[in-house]
Amino acid sequence: MDRREHHRVQLRLPARLRWTTPFGQKTEVCETVNVSRGGLLVPCQEVHAEGMPLWVTFPYDATVAYGQPEILAKVVRSPGTESAVAGGTGGSDGAGARATRARIAAQNAIQVHAANLAHGTPASVAALRFEIAPRRHFHGNGNGHNREIERRASARQRLAVPVRVRPQHVPWFEETMTVDRSAEGLKFRSNREYSPGEFLVISFESADTSPWPAVPDSLLMVVRIEREPQSPALNVAVCRSQQFSFRF
């Protein structure tokens, strides 16, 4: 019995992977082996460690320059094809679960071998799980638990787009990705140290990818820094204000 949360299908479509390195962002276009609602199995030339965050565009169209949505994903297994499974597994470690994993690993190996014949041998095979925010229920069900109170003046929306970040008087920027945005600010993932109250220049690839109409560059203030669980990365929240937002 397959204990995965989502059913997998064999589907070969291009997918673009984006990740952040100390020297900037890197991308790779690869072709999926199988797909589920919760993740992908992709052969790739770069080796990605388990737990590494990747931003995935799927399906990817190389003819479109901007505007293709990206979703945050995490590597759940890599690099062996013998245990790579799209979307992760569940259940106990009993004999039935081990037999299921062995059967699925064999199926994956066959699919990856077929992809290798068509496109050459990859350096790694990565099983990715989409990091999808759980749905929030706004109506009580009588169990006594209250919903989370949103104290922000502007509602947040999840948004993953490339962004360049640098302190106001420093010319060297960091290439990273946004996490969410609102009318008055955004949150981005960072491997650098910033301080609350510090002003940062935020630049987008173009006005089309900016969360605010016709504003590709803005000066924003750091208001909150959160540590990403089980990761050295930080989530940095910044806000804009009419008194210091500007365009170059």
Protein backbone atom coordinates (compact mmCIF):
# COMPACT_ATOMS: atom_id res chain seq x y z
CA MET A 1 0.00 0.00 0.00
CA ASP A 2 1.34 3.43 -0.98
CA ARG A 3 1.19 5.63 2.13
CA ARG A 4 2.00 8.92 0.43
CA GLU A 5 -0.30 11.82 1.01
CA HIS A 6 -0.57 12.55 -2.72
CA HIS A 7 -0.73 10.20 -5.69
CA ARG A 8 2.26 10.31 -8.06
CA VAL A 9 2.13 10.32 -11.85
CA GLN A 10 4.92 9.75 -14.36
CA LEU A 11 5.28 13.11 -16.04
CA ARG A 12 8.23 14.46 -17.99
CA LEU A 13 8.07 18.26 -18.11
CA PRO A 14 10.78 20.93 -17.72
CA ALA A 15 11.27 22.39 -14.26
CA ARG A 16 13.61 25.18 -13.23
CA LEU A 17 15.37 24.98 -9.88
CA ARG A 18 16.73 28.12 -8.21
CA TRP A 19 18.90 28.22 -5.11
CA THR A 20 21.11 30.69 -3.27
CA THR A 21 24.88 30.29 -2.88
CA PRO A 22 27.42 32.53 -1.11
CA PHE A 23 28.31 33.99 -4.53
CA GLY A 24 24.78 34.59 -5.80
CA GLN A 25 21.88 32.62 -7.16
CA LYS A 26 22.16 29.63 -9.45
CA THR A 27 19.52 28.00 -11.65
CA GLU A 28 19.20 24.69 -13.45
CA VAL A 29 16.57 23.48 -15.87
CA CYS A 30 15.84 19.77 -15.63
CA GLU A 31 13.07 17.36 -16.57
CA THR A 32 10.84 15.69 -14.01
CA VAL A 33 10.58 11.92 -13.65
CA ASN A 34 7.39 11.85 -11.61
CA VAL A 35 5.16 14.45 -10.02
CA SER A 36 2.67 14.65 -7.19
CA ARG A 37 0.62 17.43 -5.73
CA GLY A 38 3.17 17.65 -2.94
CA GLY A 39 6.47 17.39 -4.79
CA LEU A 40 8.69 16.34 -7.69
CA LEU A 41 11.37 13.80 -8.49
CA VAL A 42 14.01 15.37 -10.75
CA PRO A 43 17.42 14.26 -12.06
CA CYS A 44 19.80 17.23 -11.89
CA GLN A 45 23.44 18.04 -12.51
CA GLU A 46 23.98 19.77 -9.16
CA VAL A 47 24.06 17.74 -5.94
CA HIS A 48 21.62 19.16 -3.38
CA ALA A 49 21.85 18.13 0.26
CA GLU A 50 18.80 16.92 2.15
CA GLY A 51 16.93 19.80 3.77
CA MET A 52 18.21 22.35 1.26
CA PRO A 53 15.60 24.92 0.14
CA LEU A 54 15.00 25.29 -3.60
CA TRP A 55 12.60 27.49 -5.51
CA VAL A 56 10.84 25.57 -8.27
CA THR A 57 9.13 26.81 -11.42
CA PHE A 58 6.99 23.98 -12.79
CA PRO A 59 6.21 23.62 -15.57
CA TYR A 60 8.91 25.94 -16.89
CA ASP A 61 8.70 27.80 -20.19
CA ALA A 62 12.10 29.07 -21.36
CA THR A 63 10.46 31.51 -23.79
CA VAL A 64 8.88 33.56 -20.96
CA ALA A 65 11.39 35.99 -19.43
CA TYR A 66 9.46 37.06 -16.31
CA GLY A 67 6.30 36.31 -14.42
CA GLN A 68 6.49 32.53 -14.06
CA PRO A 69 5.48 31.59 -10.50
CA GLU A 70 8.03 29.98 -8.20
CA ILE A 71 7.26 27.87 -5.17
CA LEU A 72 9.52 27.08 -2.24
CA ALA A 73 10.46 23.41 -1.94
CA LYS A 74 12.81 21.37 0.24
CA VAL A 75 15.03 18.43 -0.72
CA VAL A 76 13.77 15.42 1.22
CA ARG A 77 16.05 12.78 -0.35
CA SER A 78 19.26 12.98 -2.37
CA PRO A 79 21.26 11.74 -4.21
CA GLY A 80 20.46 8.01 -4.37
CA THR A 81 17.76 6.82 -6.74
CA GLU A 82 17.16 3.84 -4.50
CA SER A 83 15.32 5.96 -1.92
CA ALA A 84 14.21 9.02 -3.91
CA VAL A 85 10.46 9.48 -3.74
CA ALA A 86 8.44 12.46 -4.94
CA GLY A 87 6.63 14.23 -2.14
CA GLY A 88 8.00 12.19 0.76
CA THR A 89 6.66 9.09 2.52
CA GLY A 90 4.64 8.42 5.58
CA GLY A 91 3.66 5.57 7.81
CA SER A 92 5.57 3.31 10.17
CA ASP A 93 8.85 1.49 9.61
CA GLY A 94 7.20 -1.94 9.62
CA ALA A 95 7.75 -4.70 7.07
CA GLY A 96 4.87 -3.47 4.92
CA ALA A 97 6.27 0.07 4.81
CA ARG A 98 9.75 -1.21 3.93
CA ALA A 99 8.35 -3.37 1.16
CA THR A 100 6.41 -0.42 -0.21
CA ARG A 101 9.50 1.77 -0.20
CA ALA A 102 11.53 -0.93 -1.94
CA ARG A 103 8.87 -1.36 -4.63
CA ILE A 104 8.59 2.39 -5.21
CA ALA A 105 12.38 2.78 -5.25
CA ALA A 106 12.55 0.14 -7.98
CA GLN A 107 9.91 1.98 -9.99
CA ASN A 108 11.81 5.25 -9.55
CA ALA A 109 15.06 3.62 -10.64
CA ILE A 110 13.41 2.38 -13.84
CA GLN A 111 11.98 5.82 -14.57
CA VAL A 112 15.30 7.56 -13.87
CA HIS A 113 17.13 5.05 -16.07
CA ALA A 114 14.76 5.87 -18.92
CA ALA A 115 15.39 9.58 -18.39
CA ASN A 116 19.15 8.93 -18.39
CA LEU A 117 18.94 7.20 -21.76
CA ALA A 118 17.17 10.22 -23.20
CA HIS A 119 19.16 13.03 -21.58
CA GLY A 120 22.41 11.62 -20.25
CA THR A 121 23.41 10.57 -16.75
CA PRO A 122 22.66 13.21 -14.07
CA ALA A 123 24.95 13.90 -11.15
CA SER A 124 22.10 13.52 -8.66
CA VAL A 125 18.43 12.77 -8.27
CA ALA A 126 16.49 15.00 -5.88
CA ALA A 127 13.10 14.36 -4.34
CA LEU A 128 11.49 17.71 -3.59
CA ARG A 129 8.59 18.48 -1.27
CA PHE A 130 6.70 21.71 -1.81
CA GLU A 131 6.63 23.96 1.28
CA ILE A 132 2.96 24.90 1.07
CA ALA A 133 1.47 26.94 3.91
CA PRO A 134 -1.36 25.09 5.68
CA ARG A 135 -4.84 26.39 5.19
CA ARG A 136 -6.18 28.56 7.97
CA HIS A 137 -9.69 27.97 9.24
CA PHE A 138 -11.38 31.20 10.24
CA HIS A 139 -14.46 29.67 11.82
CA GLY A 140 -14.39 27.99 15.20
CA ASN A 141 -15.44 24.37 15.57
CA GLY A 142 -16.18 24.41 19.28
CA ASN A 143 -12.85 23.00 20.44
CA GLY A 144 -11.90 26.17 22.30
CA HIS A 145 -8.91 27.08 20.09
CA ASN A 146 -8.82 30.63 18.86
CA ARG A 147 -7.53 31.55 15.45
CA GLU A 148 -4.29 33.48 15.08
CA ILE A 149 -4.82 37.23 15.29
CA GLU A 150 -3.31 39.19 12.40
CA ARG A 151 -1.93 42.41 13.90
CA ARG A 152 -0.48 43.80 10.68
CA ALA A 153 -2.19 46.73 9.03
CA SER A 154 -1.82 45.07 5.60
CA ALA A 155 -2.64 41.46 4.79
CA ARG A 156 0.29 39.28 3.75
CA GLN A 157 0.46 37.21 0.56
CA ARG A 158 3.01 34.50 -0.15
CA LEU A 159 5.29 35.61 -2.97
CA ALA A 160 8.57 34.10 -4.20
CA VAL A 161 10.49 36.32 -6.62
CA PRO A 162 14.22 37.03 -7.03
CA VAL A 163 15.43 40.13 -5.22
CA ARG A 164 18.70 41.97 -4.62
CA VAL A 165 19.31 43.39 -1.15
CA ARG A 166 22.06 45.71 0.10
CA PRO A 167 22.50 48.15 2.99
CA GLN A 168 21.83 51.76 2.04
CA HIS A 169 25.48 52.87 1.80
CA VAL A 170 27.05 49.55 0.69
CA PRO A 171 27.45 48.75 -3.04
CA TRP A 172 27.61 44.94 -2.64
CA PHE A 173 24.24 43.25 -2.82
CA GLU A 174 22.88 39.86 -1.82
CA GLU A 175 20.83 37.82 -4.28
CA THR A 176 17.98 36.02 -2.57
CA MET A 177 14.23 35.31 -2.72
CA THR A 178 11.19 36.89 -1.12
CA VAL A 179 8.92 34.86 1.16
CA ASP A 180 5.80 37.02 1.34
CA ARG A 181 4.65 40.59 0.76
CA SER A 182 2.03 43.10 1.79
CA ALA A 183 1.07 46.60 0.72
CA GLU A 184 3.61 48.05 3.17
CA GLY A 185 6.45 45.55 3.25
CA LEU A 186 7.88 42.14 2.47
CA LYS A 187 9.90 39.29 3.96
CA PHE A 188 12.97 37.76 2.34
CA ARG A 189 15.26 34.82 3.08
CA SER A 190 18.84 35.82 3.92
CA ASN A 191 22.19 34.37 4.93
CA ARG A 192 23.49 37.77 6.05
CA GLU A 193 23.13 39.56 9.35
CA TYR A 194 20.93 42.67 9.43
CA SER A 195 19.77 44.81 12.34
CA PRO A 196 16.30 46.17 13.16
CA GLY A 197 16.08 49.80 12.10
CA GLU A 198 18.66 49.36 9.33
CA PHE A 199 17.71 50.70 5.89
CA LEU A 200 18.09 48.37 2.90
CA VAL A 201 17.87 48.99 -0.83
CA ILE A 202 15.58 46.34 -2.32
CA SER A 203 15.85 45.82 -6.10
CA PHE A 204 13.78 43.52 -8.34
CA GLU A 205 14.64 42.12 -11.77
CA SER A 206 12.07 44.41 -13.36
CA ALA A 207 8.95 46.37 -12.54
CA ASP A 208 6.98 43.29 -13.66
CA THR A 209 8.34 41.22 -10.76
CA SER A 210 8.00 43.97 -8.16
CA PRO A 211 5.20 43.44 -5.61
CA TRP A 212 4.38 47.14 -5.91
CA PRO A 213 3.33 48.58 -9.29
CA ALA A 214 6.09 50.38 -11.21
CA VAL A 215 8.51 50.31 -8.26
CA PRO A 216 11.56 48.18 -9.19
CA ASP A 217 13.75 49.70 -6.42
CA SER A 218 12.84 50.85 -2.91
CA LEU A 219 14.44 51.82 0.37
CA LEU A 220 12.94 49.79 3.21
CA MET A 221 13.59 49.51 6.93
CA VAL A 222 14.28 46.25 8.78
CA VAL A 223 11.53 45.74 11.36
CA ARG A 224 11.87 42.09 12.36
CA ILE A 225 14.31 39.19 12.00
CA GLU A 226 13.24 35.56 12.44
CA ARG A 227 15.47 32.50 12.39
CA GLU A 228 14.39 29.78 9.97
CA PRO A 229 13.85 26.49 11.88
CA GLN A 230 16.57 23.88 11.31
CA SER A 231 18.49 26.23 9.03
CA PRO A 232 21.18 28.92 9.33
CA ALA A 233 19.07 31.21 7.14
CA LEU A 234 17.12 34.19 8.48
CA ASN A 235 13.75 35.60 7.45
CA VAL A 236 14.06 39.38 7.37
CA ALA A 237 10.91 41.53 7.41
CA VAL A 238 11.17 45.05 6.00
CA CYS A 239 8.59 47.81 5.62
CA ARG A 240 8.20 50.76 3.32
CA SER A 241 6.94 54.23 4.19
CA GLN A 242 6.09 57.31 2.19
CA GLN A 243 8.78 59.22 4.02
CA PHE A 244 11.65 57.08 2.79
CA SER A 245 10.41 55.02 -0.17
CA PHE A 246 11.81 56.18 -3.48
CA ARG A 247 12.59 55.24 -7.05
CA PHE A 248 15.99 55.47 -8.72
